[in-house]
N, C-alpha and C. Protein backbone atom coordinates (compact mmCIF):
# COMPACT_ATOMS: atom_id res chain seq x y z
N UNK A 1 43.00 27.49 9.03
CA UNK A 1 42.35 27.15 7.80
C UNK A 1 40.90 26.59 7.86
N UNK A 2 40.06 27.39 7.21
CA UNK A 2 38.58 27.09 7.24
C UNK A 2 38.30 25.70 6.39
N UNK A 3 37.25 24.84 6.93
CA UNK A 3 36.98 23.66 6.37
C UNK A 3 35.68 23.55 6.55
N UNK A 4 34.88 22.69 5.63
CA UNK A 4 33.64 22.13 5.69
C UNK A 4 33.57 21.07 6.94
N UNK A 5 32.60 21.55 7.73
CA UNK A 5 32.37 20.17 8.82
C UNK A 5 32.03 18.79 8.07
N UNK A 6 31.95 17.82 8.74
CA UNK A 6 31.58 16.37 8.28
C UNK A 6 30.15 16.48 7.61
N UNK A 7 29.27 17.17 8.46
CA UNK A 7 27.89 17.29 8.33
C UNK A 7 27.74 18.12 6.93
N UNK A 8 28.61 19.20 6.82
CA UNK A 8 28.50 20.12 5.57
C UNK A 8 29.03 19.36 4.57
N UNK A 9 29.92 18.31 4.59
CA UNK A 9 30.66 17.75 3.39
C UNK A 9 29.36 16.81 2.91
N UNK A 10 28.96 16.03 3.88
CA UNK A 10 27.73 15.02 3.53
C UNK A 10 26.64 15.83 2.74
N UNK A 11 26.16 17.04 3.31
CA UNK A 11 25.17 17.72 2.57
C UNK A 11 25.57 18.15 1.27
N UNK A 12 26.59 18.65 1.13
CA UNK A 12 27.38 18.94 -0.38
C UNK A 12 26.99 17.73 -1.35
N UNK A 13 27.50 16.54 -0.82
CA UNK A 13 27.57 15.40 -1.60
C UNK A 13 25.96 14.93 -1.86
N UNK A 14 25.27 15.09 -0.90
CA UNK A 14 23.74 14.84 -1.21
C UNK A 14 23.18 15.64 -2.04
N UNK A 15 23.47 16.90 -2.12
CA UNK A 15 22.81 18.03 -3.16
C UNK A 15 23.00 17.44 -4.44
N UNK A 16 24.01 16.78 -4.72
CA UNK A 16 24.64 16.19 -6.13
C UNK A 16 24.06 14.81 -6.67
N UNK A 17 23.36 14.30 -5.80
CA UNK A 17 22.72 13.00 -5.87
C UNK A 17 21.34 13.20 -6.86
N UNK A 18 21.19 12.62 -8.03
CA UNK A 18 20.10 12.96 -8.83
C UNK A 18 18.96 12.13 -8.52
N UNK A 19 17.73 12.83 -8.90
CA UNK A 19 16.59 12.33 -8.79
C UNK A 19 16.52 10.87 -9.42
N UNK A 20 15.91 9.81 -8.55
CA UNK A 20 15.57 8.42 -8.95
C UNK A 20 16.87 7.45 -8.69
N UNK A 21 17.93 8.20 -8.33
CA UNK A 21 19.17 7.11 -8.02
C UNK A 21 19.22 6.21 -7.13
N UNK A 22 19.59 4.96 -7.07
CA UNK A 22 19.71 3.93 -6.14
C UNK A 22 21.04 4.15 -5.48
N UNK A 23 21.31 4.26 -4.29
CA UNK A 23 22.47 4.64 -3.65
C UNK A 23 22.91 3.78 -2.70
N UNK A 24 24.00 3.31 -2.53
CA UNK A 24 24.67 2.65 -1.41
C UNK A 24 25.48 3.50 -0.51
N UNK A 25 25.42 3.69 0.70
CA UNK A 25 26.08 4.63 1.60
C UNK A 25 27.19 3.64 2.45
N UNK A 26 28.30 3.59 2.20
CA UNK A 26 29.29 2.83 2.80
C UNK A 26 29.50 3.15 4.65
N UNK A 27 29.83 2.24 5.27
CA UNK A 27 29.98 2.33 6.56
C UNK A 27 30.87 3.78 7.01
N UNK A 28 30.68 4.35 8.11
CA UNK A 28 31.48 5.43 8.59
C UNK A 28 30.97 6.73 8.06
N UNK A 29 31.73 7.76 7.67
CA UNK A 29 31.48 9.04 7.12
C UNK A 29 30.36 8.97 5.99
N UNK A 30 30.11 8.11 5.31
CA UNK A 30 29.13 8.15 4.02
C UNK A 30 27.71 7.91 4.87
N UNK A 31 27.66 7.49 5.96
CA UNK A 31 26.42 7.27 6.49
C UNK A 31 25.44 8.54 6.89
N UNK A 32 26.39 9.55 7.07
CA UNK A 32 25.82 11.00 7.23
C UNK A 32 25.10 11.68 6.01
N UNK A 33 25.15 11.02 4.97
CA UNK A 33 24.46 11.51 3.62
C UNK A 33 23.08 11.23 3.95
N UNK A 34 22.79 10.18 4.50
CA UNK A 34 21.24 9.89 4.69
C UNK A 34 20.31 11.03 5.22
N UNK A 35 20.96 11.88 6.29
CA UNK A 35 20.30 12.98 6.85
C UNK A 35 20.19 14.19 6.05
N UNK A 36 20.71 14.09 5.04
CA UNK A 36 20.82 15.38 4.12
C UNK A 36 20.23 15.31 2.67
N UNK A 37 19.57 14.10 2.42
CA UNK A 37 18.94 14.11 1.15
C UNK A 37 17.89 15.21 1.05
N UNK A 38 18.04 16.14 -0.29
CA UNK A 38 16.99 16.99 -0.49
C UNK A 38 15.56 16.58 -0.50
N UNK A 39 14.94 17.27 0.27
CA UNK A 39 13.52 17.23 0.35
C UNK A 39 12.69 16.99 -1.14
N UNK A 40 11.91 16.18 -1.29
CA UNK A 40 11.19 16.18 -2.28
C UNK A 40 11.89 15.39 -3.51
N UNK A 41 13.43 14.98 -3.24
CA UNK A 41 13.64 14.30 -4.25
C UNK A 41 13.77 12.79 -4.03
N UNK A 42 13.42 11.92 -5.01
CA UNK A 42 13.24 10.64 -4.79
C UNK A 42 14.55 9.98 -5.03
N UNK A 43 15.06 9.30 -3.83
CA UNK A 43 16.40 8.61 -3.82
C UNK A 43 16.04 7.45 -2.97
N UNK A 44 16.53 6.22 -3.61
CA UNK A 44 16.58 4.83 -2.82
C UNK A 44 17.84 4.51 -2.21
N UNK A 45 17.84 4.24 -0.78
CA UNK A 45 19.11 4.13 -0.29
C UNK A 45 19.20 2.69 0.13
N UNK A 46 20.14 1.94 -0.28
CA UNK A 46 20.60 0.65 -0.29
C UNK A 46 21.68 0.44 0.69
N UNK A 47 21.48 -0.83 1.49
CA UNK A 47 22.39 -1.24 2.54
C UNK A 47 22.93 -2.67 2.24
N UNK A 48 24.14 -3.07 2.29
CA UNK A 48 24.66 -4.20 2.03
C UNK A 48 24.09 -5.35 2.66
N UNK A 49 23.63 -5.19 3.95
CA UNK A 49 22.95 -6.32 4.78
C UNK A 49 21.54 -6.58 4.43
N UNK A 50 21.04 -5.96 3.36
CA UNK A 50 19.81 -6.41 2.79
C UNK A 50 18.50 -5.58 2.99
N UNK A 51 18.89 -4.22 3.15
CA UNK A 51 17.58 -3.17 2.91
C UNK A 51 17.85 -2.45 1.80
N UNK A 52 16.50 -1.84 1.13
CA UNK A 52 16.40 -0.78 0.25
C UNK A 52 15.38 -0.02 0.63
N UNK A 53 15.61 1.26 0.55
CA UNK A 53 14.61 2.26 0.93
C UNK A 53 14.81 2.91 2.36
N UNK A 54 15.95 2.95 2.92
CA UNK A 54 16.27 3.53 4.08
C UNK A 54 15.98 4.89 4.02
N UNK A 55 15.65 5.46 5.22
CA UNK A 55 15.53 6.72 5.63
C UNK A 55 16.39 7.33 6.27
N UNK A 56 16.23 8.54 7.00
CA UNK A 56 17.29 9.41 7.62
C UNK A 56 17.23 8.52 9.04
N UNK A 57 18.45 8.77 10.00
CA UNK A 57 18.49 8.18 11.12
C UNK A 57 17.23 8.52 12.24
N UNK A 58 16.85 7.35 12.90
CA UNK A 58 15.74 7.88 13.84
C UNK A 58 15.92 8.89 14.78
N UNK A 59 14.94 9.49 15.51
CA UNK A 59 14.92 10.16 16.54
C UNK A 59 15.29 9.45 17.79
N UNK A 60 16.03 10.21 18.73
CA UNK A 60 16.31 9.42 19.92
C UNK A 60 15.26 9.04 20.65
N UNK A 61 15.53 7.72 21.04
CA UNK A 61 14.49 6.90 21.63
C UNK A 61 13.51 6.27 20.72
N UNK A 62 13.84 6.36 19.34
CA UNK A 62 12.67 5.83 18.56
C UNK A 62 13.56 4.58 17.65
N UNK A 63 14.74 4.30 18.09
CA UNK A 63 15.60 3.31 17.25
C UNK A 63 14.93 1.68 17.66
N UNK A 64 15.28 1.26 16.45
CA UNK A 64 14.81 -0.19 16.42
C UNK A 64 15.88 -1.05 16.21
N UNK A 65 16.31 -1.87 17.40
CA UNK A 65 17.35 -2.78 17.33
C UNK A 65 17.67 -3.59 15.97
N UNK A 66 16.43 -3.77 15.52
CA UNK A 66 16.33 -4.92 14.28
C UNK A 66 16.30 -4.31 13.00
N UNK A 67 16.43 -2.90 13.04
CA UNK A 67 16.57 -2.33 11.62
C UNK A 67 17.74 -1.63 11.74
N UNK A 68 18.81 -1.79 11.19
CA UNK A 68 20.11 -1.46 11.09
C UNK A 68 20.64 -1.36 9.94
N UNK A 69 21.72 -0.53 9.59
CA UNK A 69 22.46 -0.70 8.33
C UNK A 69 23.80 -1.54 8.37
N UNK A 70 24.40 -1.65 7.34
CA UNK A 70 25.54 -2.36 7.37
C UNK A 70 26.76 -2.14 8.43
N UNK A 71 26.82 -1.03 8.98
CA UNK A 71 27.62 -0.47 10.25
C UNK A 71 27.00 -0.69 11.35
N UNK A 72 25.73 -1.28 11.45
CA UNK A 72 25.13 -1.62 12.63
C UNK A 72 24.67 -0.33 13.43
N UNK A 73 24.40 0.60 12.73
CA UNK A 73 23.60 2.02 12.88
C UNK A 73 22.20 1.87 12.97
N UNK A 74 21.42 2.24 13.78
CA UNK A 74 19.95 2.14 13.58
C UNK A 74 19.54 3.30 12.28
N UNK A 75 18.66 2.68 11.59
CA UNK A 75 18.17 3.62 10.51
C UNK A 75 16.50 3.47 10.58
N UNK A 76 15.99 4.27 9.89
CA UNK A 76 14.52 4.29 9.60
C UNK A 76 14.20 3.51 8.25
N UNK A 77 13.05 3.23 7.79
CA UNK A 77 12.64 2.87 6.61
C UNK A 77 11.45 3.51 5.98
N UNK A 78 11.82 3.86 4.57
CA UNK A 78 10.75 4.97 4.13
C UNK A 78 9.49 3.90 3.45
N UNK A 79 8.34 4.29 3.31
CA UNK A 79 7.20 3.53 2.81
C UNK A 79 7.86 3.05 1.32
N UNK A 80 7.29 1.82 1.37
CA UNK A 80 7.76 1.06 0.16
C UNK A 80 9.17 0.32 0.40
N UNK A 81 9.83 0.59 1.32
CA UNK A 81 11.20 -0.23 1.67
C UNK A 81 10.88 -1.49 1.88
N UNK A 82 12.10 -2.22 1.79
CA UNK A 82 12.06 -3.95 1.83
C UNK A 82 13.38 -4.30 2.38
N UNK A 83 13.17 -5.62 2.92
CA UNK A 83 14.34 -6.36 3.30
C UNK A 83 14.32 -7.59 2.57
N UNK A 84 15.75 -8.09 2.36
CA UNK A 84 16.07 -9.12 1.75
C UNK A 84 17.26 -9.80 1.96
N UNK A 85 17.42 -11.13 1.63
CA UNK A 85 18.57 -11.89 2.04
C UNK A 85 19.90 -11.07 1.55
N UNK A 86 21.00 -11.22 2.44
CA UNK A 86 22.11 -10.46 1.90
C UNK A 86 22.52 -11.01 0.71
N UNK A 87 22.60 -12.36 0.13
CA UNK A 87 23.00 -12.88 -1.08
C UNK A 87 22.29 -11.73 -2.32
N UNK A 88 21.16 -11.61 -1.95
CA UNK A 88 20.12 -10.99 -2.89
C UNK A 88 20.88 -9.41 -2.92
N UNK A 89 21.14 -8.98 -1.93
CA UNK A 89 21.83 -7.37 -1.82
C UNK A 89 23.15 -7.54 -2.60
N UNK A 90 23.94 -8.55 -2.51
CA UNK A 90 25.31 -8.57 -3.06
C UNK A 90 24.84 -8.86 -4.71
N UNK A 91 24.01 -9.51 -4.77
CA UNK A 91 23.71 -9.58 -6.37
C UNK A 91 23.23 -8.06 -6.90
N UNK A 92 22.52 -7.47 -6.07
CA UNK A 92 22.12 -6.02 -6.75
C UNK A 92 23.50 -5.28 -6.90
N UNK A 93 24.47 -5.30 -5.75
CA UNK A 93 25.71 -4.68 -5.99
C UNK A 93 26.45 -5.14 -7.18
N UNK A 94 26.84 -6.45 -7.32
CA UNK A 94 27.60 -7.05 -8.33
C UNK A 94 27.08 -6.84 -9.77
N UNK A 95 25.73 -6.91 -9.78
CA UNK A 95 25.02 -6.81 -11.19
C UNK A 95 24.87 -5.46 -11.84
N UNK A 96 25.36 -4.48 -11.13
CA UNK A 96 25.53 -3.08 -11.66
C UNK A 96 23.95 -2.64 -11.56
N UNK A 97 23.20 -2.89 -10.59
CA UNK A 97 21.99 -2.24 -10.26
C UNK A 97 22.05 -1.12 -9.25
N UNK A 98 23.25 -0.69 -8.90
CA UNK A 98 23.35 0.50 -8.16
C UNK A 98 23.81 1.61 -8.89
N UNK A 99 23.28 2.89 -8.86
CA UNK A 99 23.56 4.11 -9.68
C UNK A 99 24.77 4.68 -8.87
N UNK A 100 25.02 4.55 -7.70
CA UNK A 100 26.07 5.26 -7.17
C UNK A 100 26.24 4.68 -5.74
N UNK A 101 27.63 4.71 -5.32
CA UNK A 101 27.84 4.31 -3.86
C UNK A 101 28.84 5.52 -3.49
N UNK A 102 28.73 5.53 -1.99
CA UNK A 102 29.63 6.56 -1.43
C UNK A 102 30.38 5.91 -0.55
N UNK A 103 31.95 5.92 -0.56
CA UNK A 103 32.60 5.20 0.35
C UNK A 103 33.46 6.30 0.93
N UNK A 104 34.25 5.74 2.01
CA UNK A 104 35.37 6.56 2.64
C UNK A 104 36.53 5.84 2.15
N UNK A 105 37.72 6.41 2.43
CA UNK A 105 38.80 6.28 1.73
C UNK A 105 40.16 6.56 2.83
N UNK A 106 41.20 5.54 2.76
CA UNK A 106 42.35 6.20 3.08
C UNK A 106 43.22 6.95 2.28
N UNK A 107 42.97 6.40 0.99
CA UNK A 107 43.87 7.13 -0.16
C UNK A 107 43.03 7.02 -1.39
N UNK A 108 43.31 7.99 -2.22
CA UNK A 108 42.51 8.07 -3.64
C UNK A 108 43.50 8.43 -4.58
N UNK A 109 44.04 7.66 -5.59
CA UNK A 109 45.03 8.32 -6.58
C UNK A 109 44.34 9.22 -7.66
N UNK A 110 45.40 9.89 -8.28
CA UNK A 110 44.78 10.88 -9.33
C UNK A 110 44.11 10.24 -10.37
N UNK A 111 44.35 8.75 -10.52
CA UNK A 111 43.74 8.11 -11.80
C UNK A 111 42.27 7.59 -11.19
N UNK A 112 41.98 7.69 -10.08
CA UNK A 112 40.71 7.21 -9.55
C UNK A 112 40.97 5.90 -8.71
N UNK A 113 42.16 5.34 -8.40
CA UNK A 113 42.21 4.15 -7.65
C UNK A 113 41.94 4.33 -6.26
N UNK A 114 41.21 3.35 -5.56
CA UNK A 114 40.80 3.49 -4.17
C UNK A 114 41.26 2.60 -3.30
N UNK A 115 41.66 2.93 -2.04
CA UNK A 115 42.37 2.41 -1.17
C UNK A 115 41.65 2.57 0.20
N UNK A 116 40.63 1.73 0.39
CA UNK A 116 39.98 2.00 1.79
C UNK A 116 39.73 0.89 2.77
N UNK A 117 40.54 -0.19 2.64
CA UNK A 117 40.19 -1.29 3.58
C UNK A 117 41.54 -1.85 4.41
N UNK A 118 42.47 -1.37 4.14
CA UNK A 118 43.77 -1.87 4.85
C UNK A 118 44.91 -0.62 4.80
N UNK A 119 45.63 -0.35 5.81
CA UNK A 119 46.67 0.62 5.95
C UNK A 119 48.01 -0.04 5.55
N UNK A 120 47.89 -1.45 5.64
CA UNK A 120 49.32 -2.11 5.20
C UNK A 120 50.12 -2.15 6.66
N UNK A 121 49.67 -1.69 7.76
CA UNK A 121 50.25 -1.75 8.86
C UNK A 121 50.21 -3.12 9.40
N UNK A 122 51.48 -3.45 10.18
CA UNK A 122 51.35 -4.94 10.49
C UNK A 122 50.28 -5.10 11.47
N UNK A 123 49.96 -4.16 12.50
CA UNK A 123 48.76 -4.46 13.52
C UNK A 123 47.45 -4.12 13.11
N UNK A 124 47.22 -3.71 11.69
CA UNK A 124 46.01 -3.55 11.30
C UNK A 124 45.08 -4.46 11.00
N UNK A 125 43.73 -4.50 11.10
CA UNK A 125 42.80 -5.51 10.90
C UNK A 125 42.14 -5.36 9.65
N UNK A 126 42.67 -6.18 8.81
CA UNK A 126 41.98 -5.96 7.26
C UNK A 126 40.37 -6.26 7.41
N UNK A 127 39.72 -5.43 6.64
CA UNK A 127 38.28 -5.45 6.92
C UNK A 127 37.62 -4.86 5.67
N UNK A 128 37.94 -5.60 4.34
CA UNK A 128 37.37 -5.07 2.92
C UNK A 128 35.88 -5.12 2.83
N UNK A 129 35.17 -6.29 3.71
CA UNK A 129 33.77 -6.17 3.64
C UNK A 129 33.30 -6.10 2.00
N UNK A 130 32.26 -5.26 1.99
CA UNK A 130 31.63 -5.39 0.44
C UNK A 130 32.18 -4.08 -0.21
N UNK A 131 33.20 -3.47 0.25
CA UNK A 131 33.76 -2.42 -0.48
C UNK A 131 34.29 -2.62 -1.96
N UNK A 132 34.78 -3.79 -2.16
CA UNK A 132 35.20 -4.31 -3.51
C UNK A 132 34.35 -4.43 -4.33
N UNK A 133 33.01 -5.01 -4.06
CA UNK A 133 31.88 -5.40 -4.58
C UNK A 133 31.12 -4.08 -5.19
N UNK A 134 31.12 -3.07 -4.23
CA UNK A 134 30.41 -1.67 -4.40
C UNK A 134 31.14 -1.10 -5.30
N UNK A 135 32.70 -1.02 -5.32
CA UNK A 135 33.73 0.03 -6.03
C UNK A 135 33.66 -0.69 -7.50
N UNK A 136 33.48 -1.74 -7.85
CA UNK A 136 33.38 -2.46 -9.29
C UNK A 136 31.90 -2.57 -9.68
N UNK A 137 30.84 -2.61 -9.01
CA UNK A 137 29.62 -2.89 -9.27
C UNK A 137 28.88 -1.59 -9.54
N UNK A 138 29.02 -0.64 -8.54
CA UNK A 138 28.24 0.55 -8.82
C UNK A 138 28.57 1.32 -10.13
N UNK A 139 27.83 2.24 -10.68
CA UNK A 139 27.79 2.77 -11.87
C UNK A 139 28.79 4.05 -11.62
N UNK A 140 28.72 4.61 -10.51
CA UNK A 140 29.51 5.60 -10.18
C UNK A 140 29.87 5.27 -8.79
N UNK A 141 31.27 5.90 -8.40
CA UNK A 141 31.76 6.04 -7.11
C UNK A 141 32.21 7.24 -6.62
N UNK A 142 31.41 7.66 -5.55
CA UNK A 142 32.06 9.03 -4.77
C UNK A 142 32.56 8.71 -3.51
N UNK A 143 33.71 9.25 -3.19
CA UNK A 143 34.45 9.29 -2.13
C UNK A 143 34.25 10.50 -1.00
N UNK A 144 33.85 10.13 0.21
CA UNK A 144 33.64 11.35 1.11
C UNK A 144 34.73 11.03 2.20
N UNK A 145 35.66 12.02 2.13
CA UNK A 145 36.89 11.90 3.24
C UNK A 145 37.49 13.19 3.44
N UNK A 146 38.18 13.46 4.56
CA UNK A 146 39.01 14.59 4.69
C UNK A 146 39.90 14.57 3.64
N UNK A 147 40.63 15.74 3.22
CA UNK A 147 41.46 15.60 2.11
C UNK A 147 42.91 15.42 2.89
N UNK A 148 43.19 15.74 4.07
CA UNK A 148 44.41 15.43 4.65
C UNK A 148 44.35 14.44 5.81
N UNK A 149 45.62 13.66 5.77
CA UNK A 149 45.46 12.72 7.04
C UNK A 149 45.73 13.44 8.42
N UNK A 150 45.74 12.64 9.41
CA UNK A 150 46.16 13.13 10.79
C UNK A 150 47.49 14.00 11.00
N UNK A 151 48.43 13.58 9.93
CA UNK A 151 49.66 14.00 10.02
C UNK A 151 49.80 15.08 8.98
N UNK A 152 48.77 15.75 8.15
CA UNK A 152 48.73 16.86 7.39
C UNK A 152 49.16 16.43 5.86
N UNK A 153 49.22 15.01 5.63
CA UNK A 153 49.84 14.62 4.22
C UNK A 153 48.24 14.46 3.49
N UNK A 154 48.47 14.79 2.12
CA UNK A 154 47.11 14.55 1.27
C UNK A 154 46.89 13.20 1.18
N UNK A 155 45.37 12.92 1.28
CA UNK A 155 45.02 11.60 0.97
C UNK A 155 44.66 11.34 -0.46
N UNK A 156 44.39 12.34 -1.29
CA UNK A 156 44.63 12.36 -2.72
C UNK A 156 45.88 12.46 -3.32
N UNK A 157 46.42 11.45 -3.90
CA UNK A 157 48.01 11.31 -4.17
C UNK A 157 48.12 10.67 -5.61
N UNK A 158 49.24 10.85 -5.99
CA UNK A 158 49.65 10.23 -7.25
C UNK A 158 49.48 9.05 -7.66
N UNK A 159 49.88 8.07 -6.74
CA UNK A 159 49.70 6.83 -6.51
C UNK A 159 49.42 6.21 -5.14
N UNK A 160 48.74 5.35 -4.89
CA UNK A 160 48.20 4.87 -3.44
C UNK A 160 49.32 3.83 -3.03
N UNK A 161 49.82 4.24 -1.87
CA UNK A 161 50.81 3.18 -1.26
C UNK A 161 50.20 2.23 -0.42
N UNK A 162 48.80 2.39 -0.25
CA UNK A 162 48.08 1.17 0.47
C UNK A 162 47.53 0.40 -0.38
N UNK A 163 47.28 -0.79 0.07
CA UNK A 163 46.61 -1.90 -0.86
C UNK A 163 45.35 -1.34 -1.46
N UNK A 164 44.97 -1.60 -2.76
CA UNK A 164 44.04 -1.15 -3.47
C UNK A 164 42.69 -2.00 -3.15
N UNK A 165 41.67 -1.32 -3.21
CA UNK A 165 40.26 -1.78 -3.21
C UNK A 165 39.83 -2.22 -4.41
N UNK A 166 39.82 -1.15 -5.39
CA UNK A 166 39.64 -1.34 -6.83
C UNK A 166 40.39 -0.34 -7.60
N UNK A 167 40.84 -0.43 -8.86
CA UNK A 167 41.32 0.29 -9.76
C UNK A 167 40.48 1.24 -10.57
N UNK A 168 40.83 2.51 -10.51
CA UNK A 168 40.17 3.53 -11.61
C UNK A 168 38.69 3.39 -11.48
N UNK A 169 38.27 3.63 -10.17
CA UNK A 169 36.69 3.52 -10.03
C UNK A 169 36.17 4.72 -9.56
N UNK A 170 36.92 5.73 -8.80
CA UNK A 170 36.42 6.62 -8.16
C UNK A 170 36.02 8.08 -9.17
N UNK A 171 34.77 8.55 -9.19
CA UNK A 171 34.64 9.63 -10.09
C UNK A 171 34.74 11.00 -9.51
N UNK A 172 34.39 10.95 -8.39
CA UNK A 172 34.38 12.21 -7.54
C UNK A 172 35.06 12.22 -5.94
N UNK A 173 35.49 13.10 -5.46
CA UNK A 173 36.03 13.12 -4.05
C UNK A 173 35.34 14.36 -3.46
N UNK A 174 34.58 14.12 -2.43
CA UNK A 174 33.82 15.25 -1.39
C UNK A 174 34.81 15.46 -0.25
N UNK A 175 35.41 16.41 0.11
CA UNK A 175 36.18 16.52 1.13
C UNK A 175 35.90 17.71 1.87
N UNK A 176 36.52 17.88 2.92
CA UNK A 176 36.43 19.07 3.89
C UNK A 176 36.90 20.49 3.26
N UNK A 177 37.72 20.34 2.11
CA UNK A 177 38.21 21.48 1.53
C UNK A 177 37.72 21.74 0.15
N UNK A 178 37.47 20.72 -0.74
CA UNK A 178 37.28 21.08 -1.90
C UNK A 178 36.28 19.55 -2.47
N UNK A 179 35.72 20.06 -3.57
CA UNK A 179 34.92 18.82 -4.36
C UNK A 179 35.92 18.72 -5.64
N UNK A 180 36.44 17.46 -5.88
CA UNK A 180 37.26 17.29 -7.05
C UNK A 180 36.70 16.00 -7.77
N UNK A 181 36.59 16.36 -9.04
CA UNK A 181 36.42 15.14 -10.17
C UNK A 181 37.55 14.58 -10.78
N UNK A 182 37.52 13.44 -10.95
CA UNK A 182 38.71 12.74 -11.45
C UNK A 182 38.10 12.15 -12.96
N UNK A 183 38.88 13.09 -14.00
CA UNK A 183 38.36 12.83 -15.42
C UNK A 183 39.50 12.43 -16.29
N UNK A 184 39.13 12.17 -17.43
CA UNK A 184 39.98 11.69 -18.41
C UNK A 184 41.35 12.81 -18.71
N UNK A 185 40.88 14.04 -18.53
CA UNK A 185 41.86 15.07 -18.48
C UNK A 185 42.60 15.61 -17.37
N UNK A 186 42.44 14.90 -16.26
CA UNK A 186 42.91 15.06 -14.88
C UNK A 186 42.13 15.22 -13.84
N UNK A 187 42.60 15.89 -12.72
CA UNK A 187 41.99 16.29 -11.66
C UNK A 187 41.14 17.54 -11.90
N UNK A 188 39.84 17.60 -11.63
CA UNK A 188 39.03 18.75 -11.98
C UNK A 188 38.38 19.44 -10.90
N UNK A 189 38.87 20.49 -10.33
CA UNK A 189 38.14 21.24 -9.40
C UNK A 189 36.75 21.60 -9.42
N UNK A 190 35.81 21.33 -8.75
CA UNK A 190 34.39 21.65 -9.07
C UNK A 190 34.00 22.60 -8.04
N UNK A 191 34.38 22.64 -6.76
CA UNK A 191 33.80 23.49 -5.68
C UNK A 191 35.09 23.43 -4.70
N UNK A 192 35.04 24.58 -3.74
CA UNK A 192 35.88 24.62 -2.68
C UNK A 192 35.24 25.37 -1.53
N UNK A 193 36.08 24.93 -0.40
CA UNK A 193 35.48 25.59 0.83
C UNK A 193 36.09 27.38 0.71
N UNK A 194 35.62 28.08 1.37
CA UNK A 194 35.84 29.55 1.54
C UNK A 194 37.33 29.71 1.86
N UNK A 195 37.87 30.28 1.02
CA UNK A 195 39.35 30.52 1.44
C UNK A 195 40.27 29.68 0.61
N UNK A 196 39.86 28.64 0.12
CA UNK A 196 40.56 27.60 -0.68
C UNK A 196 40.40 27.73 -2.34
N UNK A 197 41.29 28.45 -3.04
CA UNK A 197 41.27 28.71 -4.22
C UNK A 197 41.85 27.48 -4.87
N UNK A 198 41.90 27.65 -6.47
CA UNK A 198 42.63 26.44 -7.13
C UNK A 198 44.06 26.47 -6.72
N UNK A 199 44.98 27.60 -6.71
CA UNK A 199 46.26 27.60 -6.50
C UNK A 199 46.65 27.13 -5.26
N UNK A 200 45.97 27.40 -4.20
CA UNK A 200 46.33 26.87 -2.75
C UNK A 200 46.06 25.23 -2.61
N UNK A 201 44.95 25.21 -3.23
CA UNK A 201 44.65 23.71 -3.17
C UNK A 201 45.81 22.81 -4.02
N UNK A 202 46.23 23.28 -5.34
CA UNK A 202 46.91 22.78 -6.13
C UNK A 202 48.54 22.49 -5.39
N UNK A 203 48.89 23.45 -4.73
CA UNK A 203 49.95 23.59 -3.79
C UNK A 203 49.84 22.42 -2.76
N UNK A 204 48.89 22.53 -2.00
CA UNK A 204 48.53 21.54 -0.99
C UNK A 204 48.86 19.99 -1.48
N UNK A 205 48.06 19.75 -2.49
CA UNK A 205 48.23 18.42 -2.88
C UNK A 205 49.24 18.06 -3.57
N UNK A 206 50.21 18.98 -4.23
CA UNK A 206 51.26 18.67 -5.07
C UNK A 206 51.05 18.00 -6.25
N UNK A 207 49.77 18.31 -6.79
CA UNK A 207 49.28 17.49 -8.03
C UNK A 207 48.83 18.44 -8.96
N UNK A 208 48.66 18.32 -10.26
CA UNK A 208 48.05 19.28 -11.29
C UNK A 208 46.52 19.12 -10.93
N UNK A 209 46.06 20.33 -10.87
CA UNK A 209 44.68 20.74 -10.59
C UNK A 209 43.98 21.64 -11.53
N UNK A 210 43.13 21.04 -12.41
CA UNK A 210 42.33 22.07 -13.50
C UNK A 210 41.24 22.89 -12.64
N UNK A 211 41.49 24.28 -13.06
CA UNK A 211 40.40 25.13 -12.17
C UNK A 211 38.93 24.94 -12.67
N UNK A 212 38.33 25.67 -11.94
CA UNK A 212 36.64 25.26 -12.26
C UNK A 212 36.31 25.96 -13.52
């Protein structure tokens, strides 16, 4: 089965971020988006640990241990970027000042419910962090994730079986097989990897999927 790589998934999402957007990239897979922002497009990247104006990852050997994102990865700062207290950063998140946030997920429901902080397993370590604030505070939420889990089960489901981070918050899913929007009229296929047509994806998910 042909799939987009993680870098291709991130590039596909980055292409859809509009000019002038203020965007938070969640920890994990979403951080890859920073390296694929279209040249010449003005996009302000925000990190919940108190950074606005992040750039792409630094070149090898150019890392600054004091310049990191919320996932403790080294980042760069674009001209005009700034640092501030984490309380101010969360005020931005909770106050509706972010145009978009990109988050990973364990599951997303067909209604747009998001589960990305706990699998419910007895030995799992809960780590919700700022995900609830981002999911509720950002004007739009995009999820970047593989469409299937390690066992081959869909992560886009009718109802989440994992504890929710937020309800009805996800607008789009960018995955290794397809880009799917969650709309008032149901799941809408926007784009798909080569060889993945509407009927194949609908059968794979076991959910109604509107064609492009």
